[in-house]
Amino acid sequence: MVKVVALWNIREEISEKEFEKWYEEKHIPDAKKIPGLKKYTVNRVVFKHRNSSVYYRMAELCFDSMERVEEALESREWTYAFADAKDKIADHIRLFFETKEIPLK
């Protein structure tokens, strides 16, 4: 499995309330349409210990393979979701991980 991790902040001119409304009502439904997406997890920082977090949100998008990631990145659904987000997010970074889930038992 390959996990795409995106981290970002909200643009200064947008309130957290405005951002969260757009994120929940528009962006998440759009992102769920990305082809090949197997698992989608969204995270919001709720605790900053000694300024340990420099990002506001993190999204984790899981795909079966790097080939599926590449197809997703070229899709109109990905292009649209990212273009729609550009005027709302700042300090965006995207990381790609090969993922192995470890059962606890």
Protein backbone atom coordinates (compact mmCIF):
# COMPACT_ATOMS: atom_id res chain seq x y z
CA MET A 1 0.00 0.00 0.00
CA VAL A 2 1.14 3.55 -0.72
CA LYS A 3 0.00 6.40 1.48
CA VAL A 4 -0.02 10.00 0.30
CA VAL A 5 0.21 12.34 3.29
CA ALA A 6 -0.69 15.98 2.78
CA LEU A 7 0.00 18.59 5.48
CA TRP A 8 -1.10 22.22 5.36
CA ASN A 9 -2.25 25.35 7.13
CA ILE A 10 -5.18 27.65 6.50
CA ARG A 11 -4.49 30.88 4.64
CA GLU A 12 -4.42 33.83 7.03
CA GLU A 13 -7.35 35.58 5.36
CA ILE A 14 -9.69 32.62 5.95
CA SER A 15 -11.24 31.89 9.33
CA GLU A 16 -11.04 28.42 10.83
CA LYS A 17 -14.85 28.25 10.82
CA GLU A 18 -15.05 29.17 7.13
CA PHE A 19 -12.31 26.67 6.29
CA GLU A 20 -13.90 23.81 8.23
CA LYS A 21 -17.28 24.40 6.59
CA TRP A 22 -15.70 24.26 3.11
CA TYR A 23 -13.53 21.27 4.07
CA GLU A 24 -16.39 19.16 5.44
CA GLU A 25 -19.04 20.13 2.90
CA LYS A 26 -17.00 20.49 -0.30
CA HIS A 27 -13.43 19.20 -0.17
CA ILE A 28 -13.94 15.86 1.56
CA PRO A 29 -16.78 14.81 -0.78
CA ASP A 30 -14.67 15.86 -3.79
CA ALA A 31 -11.57 14.02 -2.54
CA LYS A 32 -13.58 10.83 -1.98
CA LYS A 33 -14.13 10.72 -5.77
CA ILE A 34 -10.41 10.34 -6.56
CA PRO A 35 -9.97 7.14 -8.58
CA GLY A 36 -8.13 4.29 -6.91
CA LEU A 37 -8.53 5.72 -3.40
CA LYS A 38 -8.82 2.83 -0.93
CA LYS A 39 -8.76 4.64 2.41
CA TYR A 40 -9.07 8.31 3.33
CA THR A 41 -8.27 9.68 6.77
CA VAL A 42 -8.37 13.35 7.78
CA ASN A 43 -6.71 14.77 10.88
CA ARG A 44 -6.79 18.13 12.63
CA VAL A 45 -4.25 19.27 15.20
CA VAL A 46 -5.94 19.63 18.58
CA PHE A 47 -2.92 20.00 20.81
CA LYS A 48 0.33 21.85 20.26
CA HIS A 49 2.96 20.92 22.79
CA ARG A 50 5.70 23.57 22.81
CA ASN A 51 4.80 24.51 19.23
CA SER A 52 5.55 20.96 18.09
CA SER A 53 3.06 21.12 15.23
CA VAL A 54 3.59 23.58 12.41
CA TYR A 55 0.58 22.31 10.45
CA TYR A 56 -3.16 22.62 11.02
CA ARG A 57 -4.37 19.53 9.15
CA MET A 58 -3.15 16.28 7.67
CA ALA A 59 -4.88 14.03 5.18
CA GLU A 60 -3.88 10.44 4.47
CA LEU A 61 -4.91 8.94 1.13
CA CYS A 62 -4.18 5.23 0.63
CA PHE A 63 -3.77 3.44 -2.70
CA ASP A 64 -2.89 -0.13 -3.67
CA SER A 65 0.32 0.85 -5.49
CA MET A 66 2.46 3.73 -6.70
CA GLU A 67 0.96 3.19 -10.16
CA ARG A 68 -2.52 3.89 -8.69
CA VAL A 69 -1.12 7.03 -7.01
CA GLU A 70 0.31 8.24 -10.32
CA GLU A 71 -3.04 7.62 -12.04
CA ALA A 72 -4.84 9.50 -9.25
CA LEU A 73 -2.45 12.47 -9.48
CA GLU A 74 -3.25 12.74 -13.20
CA SER A 75 -7.01 12.41 -12.76
CA ARG A 76 -9.45 15.25 -13.25
CA GLU A 77 -10.85 14.53 -9.76
CA TRP A 78 -7.46 15.12 -8.09
CA THR A 79 -6.76 18.16 -10.27
CA TYR A 80 -10.13 19.67 -9.37
CA ALA A 81 -9.87 18.97 -5.62
CA PHE A 82 -6.38 20.47 -5.41
CA ALA A 83 -7.25 23.50 -7.59
CA ASP A 84 -10.30 24.19 -5.43
CA ALA A 85 -8.13 24.08 -2.29
CA LYS A 86 -5.32 26.36 -3.47
CA ASP A 87 -7.00 29.59 -2.34
CA LYS A 88 -7.70 28.15 1.12
CA ILE A 89 -4.50 26.35 2.10
CA ALA A 90 -0.93 27.48 2.81
CA ASP A 91 2.38 25.78 3.55
CA HIS A 92 1.27 22.65 1.70
CA ILE A 93 3.56 19.63 1.62
CA ARG A 94 2.89 16.20 0.15
CA LEU A 95 4.77 13.03 1.15
CA PHE A 96 4.58 9.52 -0.29
CA PHE A 97 5.05 6.47 1.94
CA GLU A 98 5.12 2.75 1.38
CA THR A 99 2.87 1.54 4.19
CA LYS A 100 2.73 -1.72 6.11
CA GLU A 101 0.05 -2.03 8.76
CA ILE A 102 1.15 -3.97 11.84
CA PRO A 103 -1.59 -5.90 13.67
CA LEU A 104 -1.52 -5.34 17.43
CA LYS A 105 -2.46 -8.96 18.16
